[in-house]
Amino acid sequence: MAASWQPHDAIDGVKLWTRSNSDGLLSVKAQCQVVTRLSAFVTLMNDVAAMRKLIAYSDGVFVLARPSATTTIVKSRFNLPWPARNRDSVTRSVWQQGPGYQLSLTLTDVGAQYPLTPGYLRMQHVQGQWLLTPLGGGLTQIEYQGTASPGGWLPTWLVNRMSVRATAITLNNICQALKNRRYQDSQYSFVKEPPATRTSSERR
């Protein structure tokens, strides 16, 4: 049975929770709220140049394949502070929309299917999910929860500390970036917007 989520001190206005896994590593959950259209979040996630600047410790985000409109294979590289060596991961990202306009992006580890990157240790057991929940009036709650094994050896306390801080920094950066109006006019066939955030063309 999974341990329960325990509240963690907020960082930069981002609410945080952690829970311990059997290997001693923490899963991290984080939330923020921002006025945004759901499609703006999709556009931001597809903007790999921007994401490199927004993801904590990022050393590059690379799209390896797009099997469908809702599925992407992404390699993420991380330039970690000493004494950690640089890491990378390869994940499959899948978009789904459920009741109440709730939009999710689920990440699963597919690193074993791709060659290793020289100079980088491959992270393992990477799992994550972004969940966008409209709260009314255009306000959206953005939640991320995830876990990963760093690959190689690092002290558990150091991995956990970096995971919590990196999650908070990344989510805060994303919520701030979504305020940029250039993301707000995008539309996707697999995303239905709540009435309060629909563009004039979507209301027809």
N, C-alpha and C. Protein backbone atom coordinates (compact mmCIF):
# COMPACT_ATOMS: atom_id res chain seq x y z
N MET A 1 0.84 -1.19 0.00
CA MET A 1 0.00 0.00 0.00
C MET A 1 0.88 1.24 0.00
N ALA A 2 0.58 2.19 -0.89
CA ALA A 2 1.40 3.39 -1.01
C ALA A 2 1.25 4.27 0.22
N ALA A 3 2.36 4.91 0.59
CA ALA A 3 2.32 5.85 1.70
C ALA A 3 1.45 7.04 1.34
N SER A 4 0.93 7.72 2.35
CA SER A 4 0.09 8.88 2.10
C SER A 4 0.95 10.11 1.80
N TRP A 5 0.37 11.05 1.08
CA TRP A 5 1.07 12.29 0.77
C TRP A 5 1.21 13.13 2.03
N GLN A 6 2.41 13.68 2.23
CA GLN A 6 2.69 14.54 3.37
C GLN A 6 2.99 15.96 2.88
N PRO A 7 2.35 16.96 3.49
CA PRO A 7 2.59 18.33 3.04
C PRO A 7 4.04 18.75 3.26
N HIS A 8 4.52 19.54 2.32
CA HIS A 8 5.89 20.06 2.36
C HIS A 8 5.79 21.58 2.30
N ASP A 9 6.78 22.26 2.85
CA ASP A 9 6.78 23.72 2.79
C ASP A 9 6.70 24.19 1.33
N ALA A 10 5.84 25.18 1.08
CA ALA A 10 5.71 25.73 -0.27
C ALA A 10 7.01 26.41 -0.68
N ILE A 11 7.29 26.37 -1.99
CA ILE A 11 8.47 27.03 -2.55
C ILE A 11 8.00 27.94 -3.68
N ASP A 12 8.30 29.22 -3.58
CA ASP A 12 7.91 30.19 -4.62
C ASP A 12 6.42 30.14 -4.92
N GLY A 13 5.60 29.92 -3.87
CA GLY A 13 4.16 29.91 -4.06
C GLY A 13 3.59 28.60 -4.58
N VAL A 14 4.45 27.62 -4.81
CA VAL A 14 4.01 26.31 -5.30
C VAL A 14 3.74 25.40 -4.11
N LYS A 15 2.53 24.84 -4.02
CA LYS A 15 2.20 23.90 -2.96
C LYS A 15 2.85 22.56 -3.26
N LEU A 16 3.39 21.92 -2.21
CA LEU A 16 4.14 20.69 -2.40
C LEU A 16 3.73 19.61 -1.40
N TRP A 17 3.77 18.36 -1.88
CA TRP A 17 3.58 17.18 -1.03
C TRP A 17 4.63 16.15 -1.44
N THR A 18 5.03 15.31 -0.52
CA THR A 18 5.93 14.21 -0.83
C THR A 18 5.43 12.93 -0.17
N ARG A 19 5.86 11.81 -0.72
CA ARG A 19 5.62 10.52 -0.07
C ARG A 19 6.78 9.59 -0.38
N SER A 20 7.09 8.72 0.57
CA SER A 20 8.25 7.84 0.45
C SER A 20 7.88 6.58 -0.31
N ASN A 21 8.79 6.14 -1.17
CA ASN A 21 8.66 4.88 -1.87
C ASN A 21 9.48 3.81 -1.16
N SER A 22 9.34 2.59 -1.57
CA SER A 22 10.01 1.48 -0.89
C SER A 22 11.54 1.59 -0.98
N ASP A 23 12.05 2.29 -2.00
CA ASP A 23 13.50 2.44 -2.15
C ASP A 23 14.05 3.66 -1.42
N GLY A 24 13.17 4.36 -0.69
CA GLY A 24 13.61 5.54 0.04
C GLY A 24 13.53 6.83 -0.75
N LEU A 25 13.34 6.73 -2.06
CA LEU A 25 13.19 7.92 -2.88
C LEU A 25 11.78 8.49 -2.73
N LEU A 26 11.66 9.80 -2.92
CA LEU A 26 10.37 10.47 -2.77
C LEU A 26 9.65 10.62 -4.09
N SER A 27 8.34 10.43 -4.06
CA SER A 27 7.47 10.94 -5.11
C SER A 27 7.09 12.36 -4.71
N VAL A 28 6.96 13.23 -5.68
CA VAL A 28 6.67 14.63 -5.40
C VAL A 28 5.39 15.03 -6.11
N LYS A 29 4.53 15.76 -5.40
CA LYS A 29 3.32 16.34 -6.01
C LYS A 29 3.37 17.84 -5.78
N ALA A 30 3.00 18.60 -6.83
CA ALA A 30 3.06 20.06 -6.73
C ALA A 30 1.86 20.66 -7.45
N GLN A 31 1.40 21.81 -6.95
CA GLN A 31 0.23 22.48 -7.54
C GLN A 31 0.45 23.98 -7.60
N CYS A 32 -0.08 24.58 -8.66
CA CYS A 32 -0.21 26.03 -8.73
C CYS A 32 -1.50 26.34 -9.47
N GLN A 33 -1.93 27.58 -9.45
CA GLN A 33 -3.14 28.01 -10.14
C GLN A 33 -2.82 29.22 -10.99
N VAL A 34 -3.38 29.24 -12.20
CA VAL A 34 -3.11 30.33 -13.13
C VAL A 34 -4.30 30.47 -14.07
N VAL A 35 -4.57 31.68 -14.52
CA VAL A 35 -5.61 31.90 -15.52
C VAL A 35 -5.02 31.54 -16.88
N THR A 36 -5.54 30.50 -17.49
CA THR A 36 -5.02 30.03 -18.77
C THR A 36 -6.02 29.14 -19.49
N ARG A 37 -5.91 29.09 -20.80
CA ARG A 37 -6.62 28.09 -21.57
C ARG A 37 -5.84 26.78 -21.51
N LEU A 38 -6.53 25.67 -21.62
CA LEU A 38 -5.87 24.37 -21.59
C LEU A 38 -4.92 24.21 -22.77
N SER A 39 -5.35 24.69 -23.92
CA SER A 39 -4.52 24.56 -25.13
C SER A 39 -3.21 25.32 -25.01
N ALA A 40 -3.20 26.38 -24.22
CA ALA A 40 -1.96 27.13 -24.02
C ALA A 40 -0.90 26.25 -23.36
N PHE A 41 -1.34 25.41 -22.43
CA PHE A 41 -0.41 24.50 -21.76
C PHE A 41 0.16 23.50 -22.76
N VAL A 42 -0.68 22.99 -23.66
CA VAL A 42 -0.21 22.05 -24.69
C VAL A 42 0.84 22.73 -25.56
N THR A 43 0.56 23.95 -25.98
CA THR A 43 1.50 24.68 -26.82
C THR A 43 2.82 24.91 -26.11
N LEU A 44 2.77 25.26 -24.83
CA LEU A 44 4.00 25.47 -24.08
C LEU A 44 4.80 24.19 -23.97
N MET A 45 4.13 23.07 -23.72
CA MET A 45 4.83 21.79 -23.63
C MET A 45 5.48 21.41 -24.96
N ASN A 46 4.89 21.84 -26.05
CA ASN A 46 5.44 21.55 -27.37
C ASN A 46 6.56 22.51 -27.77
N ASP A 47 6.73 23.58 -27.01
CA ASP A 47 7.76 24.57 -27.30
C ASP A 47 9.05 24.14 -26.61
N VAL A 48 9.82 23.28 -27.28
CA VAL A 48 10.99 22.68 -26.63
C VAL A 48 12.06 23.71 -26.31
N ALA A 49 12.15 24.78 -27.11
CA ALA A 49 13.13 25.83 -26.82
C ALA A 49 12.79 26.52 -25.51
N ALA A 50 11.51 26.78 -25.30
CA ALA A 50 11.07 27.41 -24.05
C ALA A 50 11.23 26.46 -22.88
N MET A 51 10.87 25.20 -23.07
CA MET A 51 10.91 24.24 -21.97
C MET A 51 12.33 24.05 -21.45
N ARG A 52 13.31 24.16 -22.32
CA ARG A 52 14.70 24.03 -21.85
C ARG A 52 15.01 25.10 -20.81
N LYS A 53 14.42 26.29 -20.95
CA LYS A 53 14.66 27.37 -20.01
C LYS A 53 13.79 27.24 -18.75
N LEU A 54 12.69 26.51 -18.86
CA LEU A 54 11.74 26.44 -17.75
C LEU A 54 11.99 25.25 -16.82
N ILE A 55 12.50 24.15 -17.35
CA ILE A 55 12.72 22.95 -16.55
C ILE A 55 14.01 23.10 -15.75
N ALA A 56 13.93 22.88 -14.46
CA ALA A 56 15.11 23.00 -13.60
C ALA A 56 16.20 22.03 -14.04
N TYR A 57 17.44 22.51 -14.09
CA TYR A 57 18.63 21.73 -14.45
C TYR A 57 18.62 21.25 -15.89
N SER A 58 17.73 21.78 -16.73
CA SER A 58 17.62 21.26 -18.10
C SER A 58 18.87 21.54 -18.92
N ASP A 59 19.26 20.54 -19.70
CA ASP A 59 20.35 20.68 -20.66
C ASP A 59 19.85 20.36 -22.06
N GLY A 60 18.53 20.45 -22.23
CA GLY A 60 17.96 20.23 -23.56
C GLY A 60 16.76 19.31 -23.54
N VAL A 61 15.78 19.61 -24.38
CA VAL A 61 14.58 18.79 -24.57
C VAL A 61 14.48 18.51 -26.06
N PHE A 62 14.33 17.23 -26.43
CA PHE A 62 14.39 16.84 -27.83
C PHE A 62 13.23 15.90 -28.15
N VAL A 63 12.46 16.24 -29.18
CA VAL A 63 11.38 15.37 -29.63
C VAL A 63 11.97 14.31 -30.55
N LEU A 64 11.86 13.05 -30.14
CA LEU A 64 12.39 11.94 -30.95
C LEU A 64 11.37 11.42 -31.94
N ALA A 65 10.09 11.50 -31.59
CA ALA A 65 9.04 10.99 -32.49
C ALA A 65 7.69 11.53 -32.04
N ARG A 66 6.76 11.61 -33.00
CA ARG A 66 5.36 11.95 -32.72
C ARG A 66 4.48 10.88 -33.36
N PRO A 67 4.26 9.77 -32.66
CA PRO A 67 3.46 8.69 -33.24
C PRO A 67 2.02 9.09 -33.56
N SER A 68 1.48 10.06 -32.85
CA SER A 68 0.12 10.53 -33.11
C SER A 68 -0.01 11.96 -32.60
N ALA A 69 -1.19 12.56 -32.83
CA ALA A 69 -1.41 13.93 -32.38
C ALA A 69 -1.34 14.06 -30.86
N THR A 70 -1.60 12.96 -30.16
CA THR A 70 -1.63 13.00 -28.69
C THR A 70 -0.45 12.29 -28.03
N THR A 71 0.49 11.80 -28.82
CA THR A 71 1.61 11.03 -28.27
C THR A 71 2.94 11.55 -28.79
N THR A 72 3.89 11.74 -27.87
CA THR A 72 5.21 12.24 -28.24
C THR A 72 6.27 11.47 -27.46
N ILE A 73 7.37 11.17 -28.13
CA ILE A 73 8.53 10.56 -27.47
C ILE A 73 9.57 11.67 -27.28
N VAL A 74 9.96 11.89 -26.03
CA VAL A 74 10.82 13.03 -25.70
C VAL A 74 12.05 12.57 -24.93
N LYS A 75 13.21 13.08 -25.35
CA LYS A 75 14.43 12.90 -24.56
C LYS A 75 14.69 14.21 -23.80
N SER A 76 14.94 14.08 -22.50
CA SER A 76 15.26 15.23 -21.66
C SER A 76 16.64 15.02 -21.07
N ARG A 77 17.49 16.04 -21.19
CA ARG A 77 18.84 15.95 -20.63
C ARG A 77 18.97 16.94 -19.48
N PHE A 78 19.73 16.54 -18.45
CA PHE A 78 19.84 17.36 -17.24
C PHE A 78 21.30 17.58 -16.88
N ASN A 79 21.64 18.84 -16.66
CA ASN A 79 22.98 19.23 -16.23
C ASN A 79 22.91 19.45 -14.72
N LEU A 80 23.26 18.44 -13.96
CA LEU A 80 23.06 18.46 -12.51
C LEU A 80 24.27 19.03 -11.79
N PRO A 81 24.04 19.66 -10.64
CA PRO A 81 25.16 20.24 -9.89
C PRO A 81 26.05 19.16 -9.29
N TRP A 82 27.33 19.52 -9.12
CA TRP A 82 28.28 18.61 -8.48
C TRP A 82 27.75 18.22 -7.10
N PRO A 83 27.89 16.96 -6.68
CA PRO A 83 28.73 15.90 -7.25
C PRO A 83 27.99 14.98 -8.22
N ALA A 84 26.77 15.33 -8.60
CA ALA A 84 26.00 14.46 -9.48
C ALA A 84 26.52 14.54 -10.91
N ARG A 85 26.46 13.42 -11.61
CA ARG A 85 26.77 13.41 -13.04
C ARG A 85 25.52 13.77 -13.83
N ASN A 86 25.72 14.23 -15.05
CA ASN A 86 24.59 14.58 -15.89
C ASN A 86 23.75 13.35 -16.21
N ARG A 87 22.43 13.55 -16.28
CA ARG A 87 21.49 12.47 -16.54
C ARG A 87 20.64 12.79 -17.77
N ASP A 88 19.99 11.75 -18.30
CA ASP A 88 18.95 11.97 -19.29
C ASP A 88 17.84 10.95 -19.09
N SER A 89 16.71 11.19 -19.74
CA SER A 89 15.58 10.26 -19.70
C SER A 89 14.89 10.30 -21.05
N VAL A 90 14.18 9.22 -21.36
CA VAL A 90 13.35 9.17 -22.56
C VAL A 90 11.97 8.71 -22.12
N THR A 91 10.97 9.52 -22.42
CA THR A 91 9.61 9.22 -21.97
C THR A 91 8.61 9.31 -23.12
N ARG A 92 7.54 8.55 -22.97
CA ARG A 92 6.38 8.67 -23.86
C ARG A 92 5.36 9.55 -23.15
N SER A 93 4.91 10.62 -23.82
CA SER A 93 3.93 11.55 -23.26
C SER A 93 2.62 11.39 -24.01
N VAL A 94 1.53 11.17 -23.27
CA VAL A 94 0.22 10.93 -23.89
C VAL A 94 -0.81 11.88 -23.28
N TRP A 95 -1.50 12.63 -24.16
CA TRP A 95 -2.57 13.53 -23.74
C TRP A 95 -3.91 12.81 -23.70
N GLN A 96 -4.72 13.10 -22.66
CA GLN A 96 -6.09 12.61 -22.58
C GLN A 96 -6.95 13.66 -21.89
N GLN A 97 -8.21 13.73 -22.30
CA GLN A 97 -9.13 14.65 -21.63
C GLN A 97 -10.32 13.87 -21.10
N GLY A 98 -10.65 14.13 -19.83
CA GLY A 98 -11.72 13.42 -19.17
C GLY A 98 -12.89 14.31 -18.87
N PRO A 99 -13.78 13.88 -17.99
CA PRO A 99 -14.96 14.67 -17.62
C PRO A 99 -14.56 16.00 -16.99
N GLY A 100 -15.45 16.98 -17.14
CA GLY A 100 -15.20 18.28 -16.53
C GLY A 100 -14.06 19.03 -17.17
N TYR A 101 -13.73 18.68 -18.43
CA TYR A 101 -12.65 19.32 -19.20
C TYR A 101 -11.26 19.05 -18.62
N GLN A 102 -11.15 18.14 -17.66
CA GLN A 102 -9.85 17.88 -17.05
C GLN A 102 -8.90 17.26 -18.08
N LEU A 103 -7.72 17.85 -18.20
CA LEU A 103 -6.74 17.45 -19.20
C LEU A 103 -5.52 16.86 -18.52
N SER A 104 -5.04 15.72 -19.01
CA SER A 104 -3.87 15.09 -18.40
C SER A 104 -2.80 14.81 -19.45
N LEU A 105 -1.56 14.83 -19.00
CA LEU A 105 -0.41 14.43 -19.80
C LEU A 105 0.36 13.41 -18.97
N THR A 106 0.36 12.15 -19.42
CA THR A 106 0.97 11.06 -18.66
C THR A 106 2.31 10.69 -19.28
N LEU A 107 3.33 10.61 -18.44
CA LEU A 107 4.69 10.29 -18.88
C LEU A 107 5.07 8.90 -18.40
N THR A 108 5.54 8.06 -19.31
CA THR A 108 6.03 6.72 -18.95
C THR A 108 7.43 6.53 -19.51
N ASP A 109 8.22 5.75 -18.81
CA ASP A 109 9.63 5.56 -19.15
C ASP A 109 9.77 4.59 -20.33
N VAL A 110 10.45 5.04 -21.39
CA VAL A 110 10.76 4.15 -22.52
C VAL A 110 12.26 4.20 -22.80
N GLY A 111 13.05 4.59 -21.80
CA GLY A 111 14.48 4.76 -21.99
C GLY A 111 15.20 3.50 -22.42
N ALA A 112 14.69 2.33 -22.01
CA ALA A 112 15.34 1.07 -22.37
C ALA A 112 15.26 0.79 -23.86
N GLN A 113 14.37 1.48 -24.57
CA GLN A 113 14.18 1.25 -26.00
C GLN A 113 15.08 2.14 -26.87
N TYR A 114 15.87 3.01 -26.24
CA TYR A 114 16.67 3.97 -27.00
C TYR A 114 18.12 3.91 -26.55
N PRO A 115 19.06 4.18 -27.49
CA PRO A 115 20.48 4.10 -27.14
C PRO A 115 20.87 5.13 -26.10
N LEU A 116 21.90 4.80 -25.32
CA LEU A 116 22.39 5.71 -24.30
C LEU A 116 23.06 6.91 -24.96
N THR A 117 23.08 8.02 -24.23
CA THR A 117 23.70 9.26 -24.72
C THR A 117 25.08 9.38 -24.10
N PRO A 118 26.14 9.48 -24.91
CA PRO A 118 27.49 9.62 -24.34
C PRO A 118 27.56 10.81 -23.38
N GLY A 119 28.14 10.57 -22.20
CA GLY A 119 28.30 11.62 -21.22
C GLY A 119 27.12 11.78 -20.28
N TYR A 120 26.08 10.94 -20.45
CA TYR A 120 24.88 11.04 -19.61
C TYR A 120 24.52 9.68 -19.06
N LEU A 121 24.15 9.64 -17.77
CA LEU A 121 23.58 8.44 -17.19
C LEU A 121 22.08 8.42 -17.47
N ARG A 122 21.54 7.27 -17.82
CA ARG A 122 20.12 7.15 -18.14
C ARG A 122 19.30 6.96 -16.86
N MET A 123 18.38 7.86 -16.62
CA MET A 123 17.47 7.72 -15.49
C MET A 123 16.53 6.54 -15.74
N GLN A 124 16.00 5.96 -14.66
CA GLN A 124 15.17 4.77 -14.76
C GLN A 124 13.86 4.96 -14.00
N HIS A 125 12.87 4.18 -14.40
CA HIS A 125 11.58 4.15 -13.71
C HIS A 125 10.95 5.55 -13.63
N VAL A 126 11.10 6.32 -14.70
CA VAL A 126 10.55 7.67 -14.72
C VAL A 126 9.04 7.59 -14.95
N GLN A 127 8.30 8.19 -14.06
CA GLN A 127 6.84 8.24 -14.19
C GLN A 127 6.37 9.62 -13.76
N GLY A 128 5.38 10.13 -14.47
CA GLY A 128 4.86 11.44 -14.10
C GLY A 128 3.52 11.70 -14.74
N GLN A 129 2.82 12.66 -14.18
CA GLN A 129 1.54 13.08 -14.77
C GLN A 129 1.30 14.56 -14.48
N TRP A 130 0.94 15.27 -15.54
CA TRP A 130 0.43 16.62 -15.42
C TRP A 130 -1.09 16.55 -15.47
N LEU A 131 -1.75 17.28 -14.59
CA LEU A 131 -3.21 17.27 -14.54
C LEU A 131 -3.71 18.71 -14.46
N LEU A 132 -4.49 19.11 -15.45
CA LEU A 132 -5.05 20.46 -15.49
C LEU A 132 -6.54 20.38 -15.20
N THR A 133 -6.97 21.09 -14.15
CA THR A 133 -8.36 21.06 -13.73
C THR A 133 -8.93 22.47 -13.77
N PRO A 134 -9.89 22.75 -14.67
CA PRO A 134 -10.52 24.07 -14.69
C PRO A 134 -11.31 24.31 -13.42
N LEU A 135 -11.13 25.49 -12.83
CA LEU A 135 -11.80 25.84 -11.58
C LEU A 135 -12.91 26.86 -11.77
N GLY A 136 -13.09 27.32 -13.00
CA GLY A 136 -14.13 28.30 -13.29
C GLY A 136 -13.55 29.68 -13.55
N GLY A 137 -14.20 30.42 -14.44
CA GLY A 137 -13.77 31.78 -14.73
C GLY A 137 -12.40 31.87 -15.38
N GLY A 138 -11.96 30.80 -16.00
CA GLY A 138 -10.65 30.79 -16.66
C GLY A 138 -9.51 30.34 -15.77
N LEU A 139 -9.75 30.23 -14.45
CA LEU A 139 -8.71 29.79 -13.53
C LEU A 139 -8.50 28.28 -13.65
N THR A 140 -7.25 27.87 -13.74
CA THR A 140 -6.92 26.45 -13.91
C THR A 140 -5.91 26.03 -12.85
N GLN A 141 -6.18 24.90 -12.22
CA GLN A 141 -5.20 24.31 -11.31
C GLN A 141 -4.30 23.37 -12.11
N ILE A 142 -3.01 23.56 -11.98
CA ILE A 142 -2.03 22.72 -12.65
C ILE A 142 -1.31 21.89 -11.59
N GLU A 143 -1.38 20.59 -11.75
CA GLU A 143 -0.76 19.68 -10.78
C GLU A 143 0.21 18.75 -11.49
N TYR A 144 1.34 18.55 -10.87
CA TYR A 144 2.29 17.56 -11.37
C TYR A 144 2.63 16.61 -10.25
N GLN A 145 2.71 15.33 -10.58
CA GLN A 145 3.28 14.37 -9.62
C GLN A 145 4.13 13.38 -10.38
N GLY A 146 5.25 13.03 -9.77
CA GLY A 146 6.15 12.13 -10.46
C GLY A 146 7.22 11.55 -9.56
N THR A 147 7.92 10.58 -10.12
CA THR A 147 9.02 9.93 -9.42
C THR A 147 9.98 9.38 -10.45
N ALA A 148 11.23 9.16 -10.04
CA ALA A 148 12.23 8.60 -10.93
C ALA A 148 13.40 8.10 -10.11
N SER A 149 14.10 7.11 -10.66
CA SER A 149 15.36 6.67 -10.09
C SER A 149 16.47 7.34 -10.90
N PRO A 150 17.47 7.92 -10.24
CA PRO A 150 18.46 8.71 -10.98
C PRO A 150 19.40 7.88 -11.85
N GLY A 151 19.47 6.57 -11.62
CA GLY A 151 20.47 5.78 -12.33
C GLY A 151 21.84 6.07 -11.75
N GLY A 152 22.71 5.05 -11.68
CA GLY A 152 23.99 5.27 -11.02
C GLY A 152 23.79 5.44 -9.53
N TRP A 153 24.81 5.99 -8.86
CA TRP A 153 24.70 6.13 -7.41
C TRP A 153 24.71 7.60 -7.03
N LEU A 154 23.77 7.97 -6.18
CA LEU A 154 23.73 9.27 -5.53
C LEU A 154 23.12 9.07 -4.16
N PRO A 155 23.53 9.85 -3.16
CA PRO A 155 22.89 9.73 -1.84
C PRO A 155 21.39 10.00 -1.95
N THR A 156 20.60 9.17 -1.29
CA THR A 156 19.15 9.32 -1.37
C THR A 156 18.70 10.71 -0.92
N TRP A 157 19.33 11.24 0.13
CA TRP A 157 18.93 12.56 0.63
C TRP A 157 19.15 13.64 -0.41
N LEU A 158 20.23 13.50 -1.20
CA LEU A 158 20.52 14.49 -2.23
C LEU A 158 19.53 14.40 -3.38
N VAL A 159 19.22 13.17 -3.79
CA VAL A 159 18.22 12.97 -4.85
C VAL A 159 16.88 13.56 -4.44
N ASN A 160 16.47 13.28 -3.21
CA ASN A 160 15.17 13.77 -2.74
C ASN A 160 15.14 15.30 -2.67
N ARG A 161 16.22 15.89 -2.18
CA ARG A 161 16.26 17.35 -2.08
C ARG A 161 16.19 17.99 -3.47
N MET A 162 16.94 17.45 -4.43
CA MET A 162 16.93 18.00 -5.78
C MET A 162 15.57 17.81 -6.43
N SER A 163 14.92 16.66 -6.18
CA SER A 163 13.63 16.37 -6.80
C SER A 163 12.57 17.37 -6.35
N VAL A 164 12.52 17.64 -5.06
CA VAL A 164 11.52 18.56 -4.53
C VAL A 164 11.75 19.97 -5.08
N ARG A 165 13.00 20.43 -5.01
CA ARG A 165 13.29 21.79 -5.45
C ARG A 165 13.10 21.92 -6.96
N ALA A 166 13.54 20.93 -7.73
CA ALA A 166 13.40 21.00 -9.18
C ALA A 166 11.94 21.03 -9.60
N THR A 167 11.10 20.25 -8.93
CA THR A 167 9.67 20.23 -9.25
C THR A 167 9.05 21.59 -8.99
N ALA A 168 9.38 22.19 -7.84
CA ALA A 168 8.81 23.49 -7.50
C ALA A 168 9.27 24.57 -8.47
N ILE A 169 10.55 24.59 -8.79
CA ILE A 169 11.07 25.60 -9.72
C ILE A 169 10.43 25.45 -11.09
N THR A 170 10.35 24.21 -11.57
CA THR A 170 9.78 23.97 -12.90
C THR A 170 8.32 24.39 -12.97
N LEU A 171 7.52 24.01 -11.97
CA LEU A 171 6.11 24.34 -12.00
C LEU A 171 5.90 25.85 -11.90
N ASN A 172 6.66 26.51 -11.05
CA ASN A 172 6.54 27.96 -10.94
C ASN A 172 6.90 28.63 -12.26
N ASN A 173 7.97 28.17 -12.91
CA ASN A 173 8.36 28.73 -14.20
C ASN A 173 7.27 28.55 -15.25
N ILE A 174 6.65 27.37 -15.26
CA ILE A 174 5.61 27.09 -16.25
C ILE A 174 4.39 27.97 -16.01
N CYS A 175 3.98 28.11 -14.76
CA CYS A 175 2.82 28.95 -14.46
C CYS A 175 3.07 30.40 -14.85
N GLN A 176 4.29 30.87 -14.66
CA GLN A 176 4.62 32.23 -15.07
C GLN A 176 4.64 32.36 -16.59
N ALA A 177 5.19 31.35 -17.28
CA ALA A 177 5.27 31.41 -18.73
C ALA A 177 3.90 31.39 -19.39
N LEU A 178 2.94 30.72 -18.76
CA LEU A 178 1.59 30.64 -19.34
C LEU A 178 0.89 31.99 -19.38
N LYS A 179 1.40 32.96 -18.66
CA LYS A 179 0.81 34.30 -18.70
C LYS A 179 1.15 35.04 -19.99
N ASN A 180 2.10 34.50 -20.74
CA ASN A 180 2.46 35.08 -22.03
C ASN A 180 1.33 34.88 -23.03
N ARG A 181 0.80 35.93 -23.58
CA ARG A 181 -0.39 35.84 -24.42
C ARG A 181 -0.15 35.07 -25.72
N ARG A 182 1.11 34.90 -26.11
CA ARG A 182 1.37 34.20 -27.38
C ARG A 182 0.96 32.74 -27.33
N TYR A 183 0.79 32.18 -26.11
CA TYR A 183 0.35 30.79 -26.00
C TYR A 183 -1.18 30.66 -25.97
N GLN A 184 -1.90 31.74 -25.77
CA GLN A 184 -3.31 31.64 -25.39
C GLN A 184 -4.29 31.48 -26.55
N ASP A 185 -3.87 31.67 -27.79
CA ASP A 185 -4.79 31.55 -28.92
C ASP A 185 -4.73 30.21 -29.63
N SER A 186 -3.96 29.27 -29.13
CA SER A 186 -3.80 27.98 -29.80
C SER A 186 -5.02 27.09 -29.61
N GLN A 187 -5.21 26.16 -30.55
CA GLN A 187 -6.32 25.21 -30.49
C GLN A 187 -5.83 23.83 -30.92
N TYR A 188 -6.42 22.80 -30.34
CA TYR A 188 -6.08 21.42 -30.68
C TYR A 188 -7.35 20.61 -30.78
N SER A 189 -7.38 19.69 -31.72
CA SER A 189 -8.59 18.90 -31.95
C SER A 189 -8.91 18.00 -30.76
N PHE A 190 -7.90 17.64 -29.96
CA PHE A 190 -8.14 16.72 -28.84
C PHE A 190 -8.39 17.46 -27.52
N VAL A 191 -8.49 18.80 -27.58
CA VAL A 191 -8.72 19.58 -26.36
C VAL A 191 -10.03 20.37 -26.50
N LYS A 192 -10.94 20.16 -25.55
CA LYS A 192 -12.15 20.97 -25.45
C LYS A 192 -11.95 21.97 -24.31
N GLU A 193 -12.18 23.25 -24.62
CA GLU A 193 -11.98 24.30 -23.63
C GLU A 193 -13.27 24.54 -22.85
N PRO A 194 -13.16 24.85 -21.56
CA PRO A 194 -14.33 25.27 -20.79
C PRO A 194 -14.94 26.52 -21.43
N PRO A 195 -16.25 26.72 -21.30
CA PRO A 195 -16.91 27.86 -21.96
C PRO A 195 -16.25 29.20 -21.69
N ALA A 196 -15.76 29.42 -20.48
CA ALA A 196 -15.20 30.73 -20.12
C ALA A 196 -13.92 31.06 -20.88
N THR A 197 -13.26 30.04 -21.47
CA THR A 197 -11.98 30.29 -22.12
C THR A 197 -12.00 30.00 -23.61
N ARG A 198 -13.15 29.76 -24.19
CA ARG A 198 -13.22 29.46 -25.62
C ARG A 198 -13.00 30.72 -26.45
N THR A 199 -12.29 30.55 -27.57
CA THR A 199 -12.13 31.64 -28.51
C THR A 199 -13.40 31.80 -29.32
N SER A 200 -13.52 32.88 -30.08
CA SER A 200 -14.73 33.12 -30.87
C SER A 200 -14.97 32.01 -31.88
N SER A 201 -13.89 31.46 -32.46
CA SER A 201 -14.06 30.38 -33.43
C SER A 201 -14.53 29.10 -32.79
N GLU A 202 -14.18 28.87 -31.53
CA GLU A 202 -14.61 27.66 -30.82
C GLU A 202 -16.07 27.76 -30.35
N ARG A 203 -16.61 28.95 -30.27
CA ARG A 203 -18.00 29.10 -29.84
C ARG A 203 -18.99 28.86 -30.96
N ARG A 204 -18.52 28.86 -32.20
CA ARG A 204 -19.43 28.65 -33.33
C ARG A 204 -19.93 27.22 -33.36
